């Protein structure tokens, strides 16, 4: 199945991957930093940058704020309370439009993940090409139904979810007659252990549901997203920063520009190299046969009228004469002319 996720990009498994630099909240509330990250993502070869659209009211409840919880699953120290971080890091409405205009000006797609109906409305007004649903919302049926009604493509992350939960989410979207769905295999650990990544799920999800499947990556470095592309992932979403040492939630597990350049360049090389399942010998390889394969040559000086025996024949380069597989054409035949050692046999010098 193919899904047209933007006006000029149709995706399907094993296509040239659509690569998303997940900036998320790595802009740290600083629009200059956000634009620097957009520039770096564009220079790295990404198709899109993605942010997150939430407010202090739409994402976290008051009780959680009152607990003054700080997310401590990272060794990096965060400033202040959870409320203070959320207030600093969330994108204001006008900043969405500002960043969309900036992305358009340099030629990279602007995306964001909505966390409420109001943010979905905002992103529709901004003009995003498709909605990306975070793994945390795969069971948020109210939000899924609301997004599906826009009839935009929906890219659905599947972290933390069972097959039955994925199936239910797909059916909710389909119930609104929206079949423009892309699944993202995802492990919602930052970073995951290698043995927990299970890239074979990319193929399993495609075989199970029939929709294109990409990969939302939280691993360190670039080897895992490249492997995902080799498995056929049509989208790669990778957290992105210009400095892993910046304060904030996701910088340290994000790709930097050098890593993202490798993902974009080598990922597309991998995609191009996969080809099809039909065995094809290219024109270039056909020409190589003449140079690299072997032909029958005389193992010694031979005289006209001699019968050719097996020990009279060796096979050496080039491959322009009688190949080893045609040895039967020579053995037992009589020479019609003299042949010097290492000279190629041909049908013309046989009686």
C-alpha atoms as a PDB file:
ATOM      1  CA  UNK A   1       0.000   0.000   0.000  1.00  0.00           C
ATOM      2  CA  UNK A   2       1.148   3.566  -0.737  1.00  0.00           C
ATOM      3  CA  UNK A   3       0.321   6.732   1.200  1.00  0.00           C
ATOM      4  CA  UNK A   4       0.728  10.272  -0.154  1.00  0.00           C
ATOM      5  CA  UNK A   5       1.987  12.006   2.995  1.00  0.00           C
ATOM      6  CA  UNK A   6       2.914  15.310   1.313  1.00  0.00           C
ATOM      7  CA  UNK A   7       2.134  16.868  -2.049  1.00  0.00           C
ATOM      8  CA  UNK A   8       5.397  15.536  -3.465  1.00  0.00           C
ATOM      9  CA  UNK A   9       6.147  12.454  -1.360  1.00  0.00           C
ATOM     10  CA  UNK A  10       4.453   9.082  -1.694  1.00  0.00           C
ATOM     11  CA  UNK A  11       5.692   6.479   0.715  1.00  0.00           C
ATOM     12  CA  UNK A  12       5.626   2.706   0.866  1.00  0.00           C
ATOM     13  CA  UNK A  13       7.842   0.059   2.398  1.00  0.00           C
ATOM     14  CA  UNK A  14      11.317   0.033   0.848  1.00  0.00           C
ATOM     15  CA  UNK A  15      10.868   3.472  -0.727  1.00  0.00           C
ATOM     16  CA  UNK A  16      13.530   6.130  -0.323  1.00  0.00           C
ATOM     17  CA  UNK A  17      12.978   6.987   3.356  1.00  0.00           C
ATOM     18  CA  UNK A  18      11.258  10.178   4.474  1.00  0.00           C
ATOM     19  CA  UNK A  19      13.533  11.386   7.275  1.00  0.00           C
ATOM     20  CA  UNK A  20      12.150  13.489  10.115  1.00  0.00           C
ATOM     21  CA  UNK A  21      14.370  15.423  12.508  1.00  0.00           C
ATOM     22  CA  UNK A  22      12.391  15.262  15.748  1.00  0.00           C
ATOM     23  CA  UNK A  23      13.204  18.557  17.426  1.00  0.00           C
ATOM     24  CA  UNK A  24      10.325  18.142  19.870  1.00  0.00           C
ATOM     25  CA  UNK A  25      11.067  20.483  22.769  1.00  0.00           C
ATOM     26  CA  UNK A  26      14.812  20.633  22.078  1.00  0.00           C
ATOM     27  CA  UNK A  27      14.375  24.282  21.064  1.00  0.00           C
ATOM     28  CA  UNK A  28      14.125  24.952  24.825  1.00  0.00           C
ATOM     29  CA  UNK A  29      11.648  27.765  24.194  1.00  0.00           C
ATOM     30  CA  UNK A  30      14.194  29.751  22.149  1.00  0.00           C
ATOM     31  CA  UNK A  31      13.092  30.570  18.579  1.00  0.00           C
ATOM     32  CA  UNK A  32      16.615  31.413  17.468  1.00  0.00           C
ATOM     33  CA  UNK A  33      17.739  27.985  18.670  1.00  0.00           C
ATOM     34  CA  UNK A  34      14.743  26.396  16.923  1.00  0.00           C
ATOM     35  CA  UNK A  35      15.666  28.041  13.621  1.00  0.00           C
ATOM     36  CA  UNK A  36      19.300  26.995  13.998  1.00  0.00           C
ATOM     37  CA  UNK A  37      18.102  23.419  14.421  1.00  0.00           C
ATOM     38  CA  UNK A  38      15.875  23.727  11.347  1.00  0.00           C
ATOM     39  CA  UNK A  39      18.863  24.979   9.339  1.00  0.00           C
ATOM     40  CA  UNK A  40      21.023  22.107  10.598  1.00  0.00           C
ATOM     41  CA  UNK A  41      18.325  19.542   9.781  1.00  0.00           C
ATOM     42  CA  UNK A  42      17.980  20.938   6.267  1.00  0.00           C
ATOM     43  CA  UNK A  43      21.765  20.911   5.773  1.00  0.00           C
ATOM     44  CA  UNK A  44      21.868  17.304   7.014  1.00  0.00           C
ATOM     45  CA  UNK A  45      19.438  16.223   4.297  1.00  0.00           C
ATOM     46  CA  UNK A  46      16.244  15.734   6.330  1.00  0.00           C
ATOM     47  CA  UNK A  47      12.851  15.945   4.641  1.00  0.00           C
ATOM     48  CA  UNK A  48      11.126  17.454   7.665  1.00  0.00           C
ATOM     49  CA  UNK A  49      11.477  18.839  11.152  1.00  0.00           C
ATOM     50  CA  UNK A  50       8.926  17.946  13.782  1.00  0.00           C
ATOM     51  CA  UNK A  51       7.971  19.789  16.944  1.00  0.00           C
ATOM     52  CA  UNK A  52       5.420  19.025  19.656  1.00  0.00           C
ATOM     53  CA  UNK A  53       2.247  21.032  20.216  1.00  0.00           C
ATOM     54  CA  UNK A  54       1.066  21.067  23.799  1.00  0.00           C
ATOM     55  CA  UNK A  55       0.353  23.611  26.501  1.00  0.00           C
ATOM     56  CA  UNK A  56       0.767  23.427  30.272  1.00  0.00           C
ATOM     57  CA  UNK A  57      -2.968  22.680  30.453  1.00  0.00           C
ATOM     58  CA  UNK A  58      -3.308  20.100  27.659  1.00  0.00           C
ATOM     59  CA  UNK A  59      -0.577  17.652  28.640  1.00  0.00           C
ATOM     60  CA  UNK A  60      -0.210  17.356  32.434  1.00  0.00           C
ATOM     61  CA  UNK A  61      -2.771  17.495  35.214  1.00  0.00           C
ATOM     62  CA  UNK A  62      -2.607  19.774  38.231  1.00  0.00           C
ATOM     63  CA  UNK A  63      -1.950  16.946  40.657  1.00  0.00           C
ATOM     64  CA  UNK A  64       1.170  16.006  38.725  1.00  0.00           C
ATOM     65  CA  UNK A  65       2.383  19.595  38.860  1.00  0.00           C
ATOM     66  CA  UNK A  66       1.658  19.762  42.579  1.00  0.00           C
ATOM     67  CA  UNK A  67       3.843  16.721  43.107  1.00  0.00           C
ATOM     68  CA  UNK A  68       6.631  18.910  41.685  1.00  0.00           C
ATOM     69  CA  UNK A  69       7.828  15.858  39.782  1.00  0.00           C
ATOM     70  CA  UNK A  70      11.035  16.145  37.800  1.00  0.00           C
ATOM     71  CA  UNK A  71      11.597  13.484  35.122  1.00  0.00           C
ATOM     72  CA  UNK A  72      14.709  11.832  36.513  1.00  0.00           C
ATOM     73  CA  UNK A  73      15.174   9.025  33.973  1.00  0.00           C
ATOM     74  CA  UNK A  74      18.089  11.011  32.566  1.00  0.00           C
ATOM     75  CA  UNK A  75      21.454  11.616  34.241  1.00  0.00           C
ATOM     76  CA  UNK A  76      21.281  15.229  33.086  1.00  0.00           C
ATOM     77  CA  UNK A  77      20.090  17.711  35.707  1.00  0.00           C
ATOM     78  CA  UNK A  78      17.006  19.707  34.764  1.00  0.00           C
ATOM     79  CA  UNK A  79      16.212  23.128  36.142  1.00  0.00           C
ATOM     80  CA  UNK A  80      13.336  23.853  38.477  1.00  0.00           C
ATOM     81  CA  UNK A  81      10.016  22.095  38.799  1.00  0.00           C
ATOM     82  CA  UNK A  82       8.077  20.202  36.183  1.00  0.00           C
ATOM     83  CA  UNK A  83       5.720  23.159  35.812  1.00  0.00           C
ATOM     84  CA  UNK A  84       8.619  25.532  35.208  1.00  0.00           C
ATOM     85  CA  UNK A  85      10.073  23.276  32.516  1.00  0.00           C
ATOM     86  CA  UNK A  86       6.754  22.847  30.735  1.00  0.00           C
ATOM     87  CA  UNK A  87       6.091  26.593  30.833  1.00  0.00           C
ATOM     88  CA  UNK A  88       9.479  27.304  29.317  1.00  0.00           C
ATOM     89  CA  UNK A  89       9.480  24.600  26.649  1.00  0.00           C
ATOM     90  CA  UNK A  90       6.008  24.722  25.103  1.00  0.00           C
ATOM     91  CA  UNK A  91       5.433  26.350  21.704  1.00  0.00           C
ATOM     92  CA  UNK A  92       3.085  29.320  21.690  1.00  0.00           C
ATOM     93  CA  UNK A  93       0.456  29.577  18.949  1.00  0.00           C
ATOM     94  CA  UNK A  94       2.220  32.376  17.085  1.00  0.00           C
ATOM     95  CA  UNK A  95       5.525  30.490  17.210  1.00  0.00           C
ATOM     96  CA  UNK A  96       3.959  27.643  15.199  1.00  0.00           C
ATOM     97  CA  UNK A  97       3.218  30.042  12.355  1.00  0.00           C
ATOM     98  CA  UNK A  98       6.655  31.641  12.662  1.00  0.00           C
ATOM     99  CA  UNK A  99       8.408  28.275  12.376  1.00  0.00           C
ATOM    100  CA  UNK A 100       6.182  27.098   9.529  1.00  0.00           C
ATOM    101  CA  UNK A 101       7.011  30.237   7.542  1.00  0.00           C
ATOM    102  CA  UNK A 102      10.699  29.748   8.257  1.00  0.00           C
ATOM    103  CA  UNK A 103      10.605  26.086   7.144  1.00  0.00           C
ATOM    104  CA  UNK A 104       8.808  27.061   3.929  1.00  0.00           C
ATOM    105  CA  UNK A 105      11.445  29.690   3.225  1.00  0.00           C
ATOM    106  CA  UNK A 106      14.297  27.153   3.214  1.00  0.00           C
ATOM    107  CA  UNK A 107      12.383  24.189   1.734  1.00  0.00           C
ATOM    108  CA  UNK A 108      11.863  21.709   4.565  1.00  0.00           C
ATOM    109  CA  UNK A 109       8.520  20.325   5.789  1.00  0.00           C
ATOM    110  CA  UNK A 110       7.164  21.629   9.109  1.00  0.00           C
ATOM    111  CA  UNK A 111       5.456  19.012  11.293  1.00  0.00           C
ATOM    112  CA  UNK A 112       4.237  18.820  14.852  1.00  0.00           C
ATOM    113  CA  UNK A 113       2.456  16.350  17.108  1.00  0.00           C
ATOM    114  CA  UNK A 114      -0.828  17.574  18.598  1.00  0.00           C
ATOM    115  CA  UNK A 115      -1.821  16.505  22.101  1.00  0.00           C
ATOM    116  CA  UNK A 116      -5.384  17.866  22.105  1.00  0.00           C
ATOM    117  CA  UNK A 117      -8.190  18.800  19.716  1.00  0.00           C
ATOM    118  CA  UNK A 118      -7.320  22.476  20.047  1.00  0.00           C
ATOM    119  CA  UNK A 119      -3.741  21.812  18.970  1.00  0.00           C
ATOM    120  CA  UNK A 120      -5.002  19.718  16.066  1.00  0.00           C
ATOM    121  CA  UNK A 121      -7.082  22.715  14.962  1.00  0.00           C
ATOM    122  CA  UNK A 122      -4.064  24.979  15.297  1.00  0.00           C
ATOM    123  CA  UNK A 123      -1.867  22.675  13.193  1.00  0.00           C
ATOM    124  CA  UNK A 124      -4.584  22.444  10.551  1.00  0.00           C
ATOM    125  CA  UNK A 125      -4.554  26.243  10.307  1.00  0.00           C
ATOM    126  CA  UNK A 126      -0.760  26.256  10.186  1.00  0.00           C
ATOM    127  CA  UNK A 127      -0.939  23.862   7.243  1.00  0.00           C
ATOM    128  CA  UNK A 128       0.857  20.665   8.237  1.00  0.00           C
ATOM    129  CA  UNK A 129       0.730  17.920   5.560  1.00  0.00           C
ATOM    130  CA  UNK A 130      -0.103  15.112   8.008  1.00  0.00           C
ATOM    131  CA  UNK A 131      -0.671  14.428  11.700  1.00  0.00           C
ATOM    132  CA  UNK A 132       1.881  12.525  13.753  1.00  0.00           C
ATOM    133  CA  UNK A 133       0.397  10.744  16.783  1.00  0.00           C
ATOM    134  CA  UNK A 134       2.669  10.065  19.750  1.00  0.00           C
ATOM    135  CA  UNK A 135       2.863   6.554  21.168  1.00  0.00           C
ATOM    136  CA  UNK A 136       1.274   7.770  24.416  1.00  0.00           C
ATOM    137  CA  UNK A 137      -1.959   8.525  22.515  1.00  0.00           C
ATOM    138  CA  UNK A 138      -2.480   5.230  20.690  1.00  0.00           C
ATOM    139  CA  UNK A 139      -5.342   4.471  23.109  1.00  0.00           C
ATOM    140  CA  UNK A 140      -6.664   8.060  23.088  1.00  0.00           C
ATOM    141  CA  UNK A 141      -9.597   7.197  20.834  1.00  0.00           C
ATOM    142  CA  UNK A 142     -11.236  10.582  21.204  1.00  0.00           C
ATOM    143  CA  UNK A 143      -8.140  12.288  19.799  1.00  0.00           C
ATOM    144  CA  UNK A 144      -7.657   9.663  17.072  1.00  0.00           C
ATOM    145  CA  UNK A 145     -11.235  10.101  15.839  1.00  0.00           C
ATOM    146  CA  UNK A 146     -10.859  13.871  15.847  1.00  0.00           C
ATOM    147  CA  UNK A 147      -7.620  13.758  13.847  1.00  0.00           C
ATOM    148  CA  UNK A 148      -9.028  11.235  11.375  1.00  0.00           C
ATOM    149  CA  UNK A 149     -11.865  13.595  10.453  1.00  0.00           C
ATOM    150  CA  UNK A 150      -9.433  16.052   8.886  1.00  0.00           C
ATOM    151  CA  UNK A 151      -8.753  13.383   6.225  1.00  0.00           C
ATOM    152  CA  UNK A 152      -5.044  14.104   6.408  1.00  0.00           C
ATOM    153  CA  UNK A 153      -2.609  11.189   6.561  1.00  0.00           C
ATOM    154  CA  UNK A 154      -1.943   9.959  10.093  1.00  0.00           C
ATOM    155  CA  UNK A 155       1.470   8.649  11.150  1.00  0.00           C
ATOM    156  CA  UNK A 156       0.942   6.545  14.255  1.00  0.00           C
ATOM    157  CA  UNK A 157       3.744   5.615  16.661  1.00  0.00           C
ATOM    158  CA  UNK A 158       3.275   2.241  18.336  1.00  0.00           C
ATOM    159  CA  UNK A 159       5.559   2.399  21.380  1.00  0.00           C
ATOM    160  CA  UNK A 160       4.286   0.688  24.556  1.00  0.00           C
ATOM    161  CA  UNK A 161       1.393  -0.886  22.638  1.00  0.00           C
ATOM    162  CA  UNK A 162       0.214  -4.435  22.027  1.00  0.00           C
ATOM    163  CA  UNK A 163      -0.952  -5.754  18.670  1.00  0.00           C
ATOM    164  CA  UNK A 164      -4.563  -5.529  19.815  1.00  0.00           C
ATOM    165  CA  UNK A 165      -4.091  -1.889  20.839  1.00  0.00           C
ATOM    166  CA  UNK A 166      -2.558  -1.081  17.451  1.00  0.00           C
ATOM    167  CA  UNK A 167      -5.412  -2.874  15.708  1.00  0.00           C
ATOM    168  CA  UNK A 168      -7.995  -0.931  17.719  1.00  0.00           C
ATOM    169  CA  UNK A 169      -6.313   2.412  16.956  1.00  0.00           C
ATOM    170  CA  UNK A 170      -6.266   1.615  13.225  1.00  0.00           C
ATOM    171  CA  UNK A 171      -9.940   0.689  13.289  1.00  0.00           C
ATOM    172  CA  UNK A 172     -10.798   3.972  15.038  1.00  0.00           C
ATOM    173  CA  UNK A 173      -9.063   5.937  12.275  1.00  0.00           C
ATOM    174  CA  UNK A 174     -10.606   3.800   9.538  1.00  0.00           C
ATOM    175  CA  UNK A 175     -14.070   4.312  11.068  1.00  0.00           C
ATOM    176  CA  UNK A 176     -13.833   7.925   9.863  1.00  0.00           C
ATOM    177  CA  UNK A 177     -13.097   6.678   6.320  1.00  0.00           C
ATOM    178  CA  UNK A 178      -9.479   7.673   6.666  1.00  0.00           C
ATOM    179  CA  UNK A 179      -7.191   4.977   5.291  1.00  0.00           C
ATOM    180  CA  UNK A 180      -4.108   7.155   4.900  1.00  0.00           C
ATOM    181  CA  UNK A 181      -2.237   5.536   7.760  1.00  0.00           C
ATOM    182  CA  UNK A 182       1.461   4.946   8.345  1.00  0.00           C
ATOM    183  CA  UNK A 183       2.659   2.970  11.377  1.00  0.00           C
ATOM    184  CA  UNK A 184       5.936   3.642  13.141  1.00  0.00           C
ATOM    185  CA  UNK A 185       7.596   0.817  15.036  1.00  0.00           C
ATOM    186  CA  UNK A 186       8.816   2.421  18.237  1.00  0.00           C
ATOM    187  CA  UNK A 187      10.346   1.466  21.583  1.00  0.00           C
ATOM    188  CA  UNK A 188       9.499   4.156  24.126  1.00  0.00           C
ATOM    189  CA  UNK A 189      12.680   3.864  26.174  1.00  0.00           C
ATOM    190  CA  UNK A 190      15.346   6.584  25.987  1.00  0.00           C
ATOM    191  CA  UNK A 191      17.604   4.890  24.955  1.00  0.00           C
ATOM    192  CA  UNK A 192      16.473   1.259  24.612  1.00  0.00           C
ATOM    193  CA  UNK A 193      18.697  -1.771  24.989  1.00  0.00           C
ATOM    194  CA  UNK A 194      19.623  -3.211  21.612  1.00  0.00           C
ATOM    195  CA  UNK A 195      17.984  -6.533  22.416  1.00  0.00           C
ATOM    196  CA  UNK A 196      14.699  -4.705  23.084  1.00  0.00           C
ATOM    197  CA  UNK A 197      14.489  -2.872  19.740  1.00  0.00           C
ATOM    198  CA  UNK A 198      13.136  -5.783  17.647  1.00  0.00           C
ATOM    199  CA  UNK A 199      13.524  -4.309  14.162  1.00  0.00           C
ATOM    200  CA  UNK A 200      11.835  -7.389  12.715  1.00  0.00           C
ATOM    201  CA  UNK A 201       8.610  -5.816  13.998  1.00  0.00           C
ATOM    202  CA  UNK A 202       8.814  -3.501  10.967  1.00  0.00           C
ATOM    203  CA  UNK A 203       8.096  -6.458   8.702  1.00  0.00           C
ATOM    204  CA  UNK A 204       5.627  -7.981  11.159  1.00  0.00           C
ATOM    205  CA  UNK A 205       3.530  -4.797  11.350  1.00  0.00           C
ATOM    206  CA  UNK A 206       3.437  -4.522   7.564  1.00  0.00           C
ATOM    207  CA  UNK A 207       2.439  -8.146   7.123  1.00  0.00           C
ATOM    208  CA  UNK A 208      -0.204  -7.841   9.858  1.00  0.00           C
ATOM    209  CA  UNK A 209      -1.868  -4.556   8.892  1.00  0.00           C
ATOM    210  CA  UNK A 210      -0.856  -3.854   5.288  1.00  0.00           C
ATOM    211  CA  UNK A 211      -0.001  -0.205   5.921  1.00  0.00           C
ATOM    212  CA  UNK A 212       3.454   1.280   5.300  1.00  0.00           C
ATOM    213  CA  UNK A 213       5.724   1.020   8.342  1.00  0.00           C
ATOM    214  CA  UNK A 214       8.502   3.337   9.470  1.00  0.00           C
ATOM    215  CA  UNK A 215      10.655   3.572  12.577  1.00  0.00           C
ATOM    216  CA  UNK A 216      10.702   6.106  15.397  1.00  0.00           C
ATOM    217  CA  UNK A 217      14.173   5.767  16.889  1.00  0.00           C
ATOM    218  CA  UNK A 218      15.355   6.447  20.425  1.00  0.00           C
ATOM    219  CA  UNK A 219      18.706   4.670  20.212  1.00  0.00           C
ATOM    220  CA  UNK A 220      22.075   6.381  20.443  1.00  0.00           C
ATOM    221  CA  UNK A 221      23.942   6.932  17.169  1.00  0.00           C
ATOM    222  CA  UNK A 222      22.993   6.005  13.622  1.00  0.00           C
ATOM    223  CA  UNK A 223      23.390   2.254  13.188  1.00  0.00           C
ATOM    224  CA  UNK A 224      19.855   1.278  14.227  1.00  0.00           C
ATOM    225  CA  UNK A 225      17.967   3.700  11.940  1.00  0.00           C
ATOM    226  CA  UNK A 226      20.182   2.592   9.049  1.00  0.00           C
ATOM    227  CA  UNK A 227      19.335  -1.028   9.839  1.00  0.00           C
ATOM    228  CA  UNK A 228      15.640  -0.070   9.921  1.00  0.00           C
ATOM    229  CA  UNK A 229      15.929   1.340   6.406  1.00  0.00           C
ATOM    230  CA  UNK A 230      17.473  -1.943   5.287  1.00  0.00           C
ATOM    231  CA  UNK A 231      14.386  -3.645   6.775  1.00  0.00           C
ATOM    232  CA  UNK A 232      12.176  -1.454   4.569  1.00  0.00           C
ATOM    233  CA  UNK A 233      11.237   1.400   6.923  1.00  0.00           C
ATOM    234  CA  UNK A 234       9.609   4.147   4.848  1.00  0.00           C
ATOM    235  CA  UNK A 235       9.955   6.866   7.515  1.00  0.00           C
ATOM    236  CA  UNK A 236      12.758   7.462   9.967  1.00  0.00           C
ATOM    237  CA  UNK A 237      11.993   9.747  12.888  1.00  0.00           C
ATOM    238  CA  UNK A 238      15.051  10.610  14.964  1.00  0.00           C
ATOM    239  CA  UNK A 239      15.439  13.077  17.823  1.00  0.00           C
ATOM    240  CA  UNK A 240      17.697  15.922  16.749  1.00  0.00           C
ATOM    241  CA  UNK A 241      19.827  18.602  18.391  1.00  0.00           C
ATOM    242  CA  UNK A 242      22.753  20.788  17.471  1.00  0.00           C
ATOM    243  CA  UNK A 243      24.400  20.214  20.863  1.00  0.00           C
ATOM    244  CA  UNK A 244      23.915  17.126  23.013  1.00  0.00           C
ATOM    245  CA  UNK A 245      25.111  19.018  26.071  1.00  0.00           C
ATOM    246  CA  UNK A 246      22.271  21.545  26.047  1.00  0.00           C
ATOM    247  CA  UNK A 247      19.893  21.408  29.025  1.00  0.00           C
ATOM    248  CA  UNK A 248      16.542  19.821  28.312  1.00  0.00           C
ATOM    249  CA  UNK A 249      14.726  16.512  28.125  1.00  0.00           C
ATOM    250  CA  UNK A 250      16.008  14.858  24.947  1.00  0.00           C
ATOM    251  CA  UNK A 251      19.293  16.430  23.825  1.00  0.00           C
ATOM    252  CA  UNK A 252      21.568  13.659  25.033  1.00  0.00           C
ATOM    253  CA  UNK A 253      19.693  10.890  23.189  1.00  0.00           C
ATOM    254  CA  UNK A 254      19.335  12.974  20.023  1.00  0.00           C
ATOM    255  CA  UNK A 255      21.362  12.782  16.827  1.00  0.00           C
ATOM    256  CA  UNK A 256      23.659  15.707  16.193  1.00  0.00           C
ATOM    257  CA  UNK A 257      24.163  17.138  12.677  1.00  0.00           C
ATOM    258  CA  UNK A 258      27.046  14.802  11.846  1.00  0.00           C
ATOM    259  CA  UNK A 259      25.053  11.723  12.828  1.00  0.00           C
ATOM    260  CA  UNK A 260      21.970  12.963  11.006  1.00  0.00           C
ATOM    261  CA  UNK A 261      23.990  13.538   7.827  1.00  0.00           C
ATOM    262  CA  UNK A 262      25.097   9.903   7.973  1.00  0.00           C
ATOM    263  CA  UNK A 263      21.517   8.713   8.489  1.00  0.00           C
ATOM    264  CA  UNK A 264      20.251  10.772   5.544  1.00  0.00           C
ATOM    265  CA  UNK A 265      23.084  10.050   3.133  1.00  0.00           C
ATOM    266  CA  UNK A 266      23.769   6.415   3.921  1.00  0.00           C
ATOM    267  CA  UNK A 267      20.100   5.629   4.543  1.00  0.00           C
ATOM    268  CA  UNK A 268      19.204   6.703   1.030  1.00  0.00           C
ATOM    269  CA  UNK A 269      22.191   4.805  -0.347  1.00  0.00           C
ATOM    270  CA  UNK A 270      20.953   1.692   1.459  1.00  0.00           C
ATOM    271  CA  UNK A 271      17.447   2.197   0.099  1.00  0.00           C
ATOM    272  CA  UNK A 272      18.747   2.614  -3.451  1.00  0.00           C
ATOM    273  CA  UNK A 273      20.896  -0.486  -3.137  1.00  0.00           C
ATOM    274  CA  UNK A 274      18.122  -2.847  -2.014  1.00  0.00           C
ATOM    275  CA  UNK A 275      16.508  -3.206  -5.441  1.00  0.00           C
ATOM    276  CA  UNK A 276      14.044  -5.997  -6.163  1.00  0.00           C
ATOM    277  CA  UNK A 277      13.837  -9.759  -5.788  1.00  0.00           C
ATOM    278  CA  UNK A 278      14.281 -10.503  -9.512  1.00  0.00           C
ATOM    279  CA  UNK A 279      17.852 -11.477 -10.390  1.00  0.00           C
ATOM    280  CA  UNK A 280      19.208  -8.915 -12.860  1.00  0.00           C
ATOM    281  CA  UNK A 281      22.661  -8.741 -14.427  1.00  0.00           C
ATOM    282  CA  UNK A 282      23.298  -5.124 -15.358  1.00  0.00           C
ATOM    283  CA  UNK A 283      24.828  -3.934 -18.630  1.00  0.00           C
ATOM    284  CA  UNK A 284      27.928  -2.941 -16.683  1.00  0.00           C
ATOM    285  CA  UNK A 285      28.264  -6.467 -15.275  1.00  0.00           C
ATOM    286  CA  UNK A 286      27.783  -7.985 -18.725  1.00  0.00           C
ATOM    287  CA  UNK A 287      30.787  -5.974 -19.902  1.00  0.00           C
ATOM    288  CA  UNK A 288      32.737  -7.117 -16.837  1.00  0.00           C
ATOM    289  CA  UNK A 289      32.256 -10.728 -17.917  1.00  0.00           C
ATOM    290  CA  UNK A 290      34.592 -10.155 -20.873  1.00  0.00           C
ATOM    291  CA  UNK A 291      37.319  -8.868 -18.576  1.00  0.00           C
ATOM    292  CA  UNK A 292      36.865 -10.971 -15.448  1.00  0.00           C
ATOM    293  CA  UNK A 293      35.716 -14.389 -16.660  1.00  0.00           C
ATOM    294  CA  UNK A 294      37.935 -17.050 -18.266  1.00  0.00           C
ATOM    295  CA  UNK A 295      38.256 -18.554 -21.731  1.00  0.00           C
ATOM    296  CA  UNK A 296      39.842 -21.754 -23.003  1.00  0.00           C
ATOM    297  CA  UNK A 297      43.544 -21.389 -23.912  1.00  0.00           C
ATOM    298  CA  UNK A 298      46.127 -23.886 -25.089  1.00  0.00           C
ATOM    299  CA  UNK A 299      48.226 -25.316 -22.255  1.00  0.00           C
ATOM    300  CA  UNK A 300      51.103 -25.942 -24.727  1.00  0.00           C
ATOM    301  CA  UNK A 301      51.995 -25.424 -28.360  1.00  0.00           C
ATOM    302  CA  UNK A 302      49.570 -27.509 -30.414  1.00  0.00           C
ATOM    303  CA  UNK A 303      49.899 -28.609 -34.061  1.00  0.00           C
ATOM    304  CA  UNK A 304      47.310 -28.757 -36.807  1.00  0.00           C
ATOM    305  CA  UNK A 305      45.583 -32.132 -36.814  1.00  0.00           C
ATOM    306  CA  UNK A 306      46.127 -32.879 -33.109  1.00  0.00           C
ATOM    307  CA  UNK A 307      43.195 -34.161 -31.077  1.00  0.00           C
ATOM    308  CA  UNK A 308      42.463 -31.886 -28.144  1.00  0.00           C
ATOM    309  CA  UNK A 309      42.610 -33.566 -24.734  1.00  0.00           C
ATOM    310  CA  UNK A 310      41.539 -32.198 -21.371  1.00  0.00           C
ATOM    311  CA  UNK A 311      45.128 -31.538 -20.293  1.00  0.00           C
ATOM    312  CA  UNK A 312      45.631 -29.458 -23.468  1.00  0.00           C
ATOM    313  CA  UNK A 313      43.147 -26.876 -22.186  1.00  0.00           C
ATOM    314  CA  UNK A 314      43.442 -24.279 -19.418  1.00  0.00           C
ATOM    315  CA  UNK A 315      41.052 -21.438 -18.595  1.00  0.00           C
ATOM    316  CA  UNK A 316      42.378 -17.913 -18.193  1.00  0.00           C
ATOM    317  CA  UNK A 317      41.243 -14.351 -18.642  1.00  0.00           C
ATOM    318  CA  UNK A 318      39.801 -12.695 -20.677  1.00  0.00           C
ATOM    319  CA  UNK A 319      36.281 -14.078 -21.027  1.00  0.00           C
ATOM    320  CA  UNK A 320      35.872 -13.246 -24.702  1.00  0.00           C
ATOM    321  CA  UNK A 321      36.411 -16.790 -25.996  1.00  0.00           C
ATOM    322  CA  UNK A 322      35.036 -20.257 -25.223  1.00  0.00           C
ATOM    323  CA  UNK A 323      34.012 -20.316 -21.551  1.00  0.00           C
ATOM    324  CA  UNK A 324      34.663 -23.162 -19.073  1.00  0.00           C
ATOM    325  CA  UNK A 325      31.021 -24.233 -19.301  1.00  0.00           C
ATOM    326  CA  UNK A 326      31.546 -24.954 -23.045  1.00  0.00           C
ATOM    327  CA  UNK A 327      34.606 -27.166 -22.579  1.00  0.00           C
ATOM    328  CA  UNK A 328      32.708 -30.040 -24.193  1.00  0.00           C
ATOM    329  CA  UNK A 329      32.916 -28.234 -27.545  1.00  0.00           C
ATOM    330  CA  UNK A 330      36.705 -28.675 -27.501  1.00  0.00           C
ATOM    331  CA  UNK A 331      37.591 -32.038 -25.995  1.00  0.00           C
ATOM    332  CA  UNK A 332      38.016 -34.749 -28.639  1.00  0.00           C
ATOM    333  CA  UNK A 333      37.994 -32.290 -31.548  1.00  0.00           C
ATOM    334  CA  UNK A 334      40.800 -31.948 -34.114  1.00  0.00           C
ATOM    335  CA  UNK A 335      42.691 -28.688 -34.662  1.00  0.00           C
ATOM    336  CA  UNK A 336      42.489 -27.188 -38.133  1.00  0.00           C
ATOM    337  CA  UNK A 337      45.544 -24.968 -37.544  1.00  0.00           C
ATOM    338  CA  UNK A 338      48.521 -24.562 -35.211  1.00  0.00           C
ATOM    339  CA  UNK A 339      47.887 -22.979 -31.807  1.00  0.00           C
ATOM    340  CA  UNK A 340      50.545 -21.447 -29.585  1.00  0.00           C
ATOM    341  CA  UNK A 341      50.657 -21.855 -25.811  1.00  0.00           C
ATOM    342  CA  UNK A 342      48.237 -19.462 -24.021  1.00  0.00           C
ATOM    343  CA  UNK A 343      46.448 -18.651 -27.279  1.00  0.00           C
ATOM    344  CA  UNK A 344      42.650 -18.624 -27.080  1.00  0.00           C
ATOM    345  CA  UNK A 345      40.740 -21.457 -28.681  1.00  0.00           C
ATOM    346  CA  UNK A 346      37.952 -20.537 -31.054  1.00  0.00           C
ATOM    347  CA  UNK A 347      35.488 -22.547 -33.088  1.00  0.00           C
ATOM    348  CA  UNK A 348      37.337 -21.328 -36.207  1.00  0.00           C
ATOM    349  CA  UNK A 349      40.456 -23.335 -35.390  1.00  0.00           C
ATOM    350  CA  UNK A 350      38.582 -26.616 -35.011  1.00  0.00           C
ATOM    351  CA  UNK A 351      37.822 -29.100 -37.819  1.00  0.00           C
END
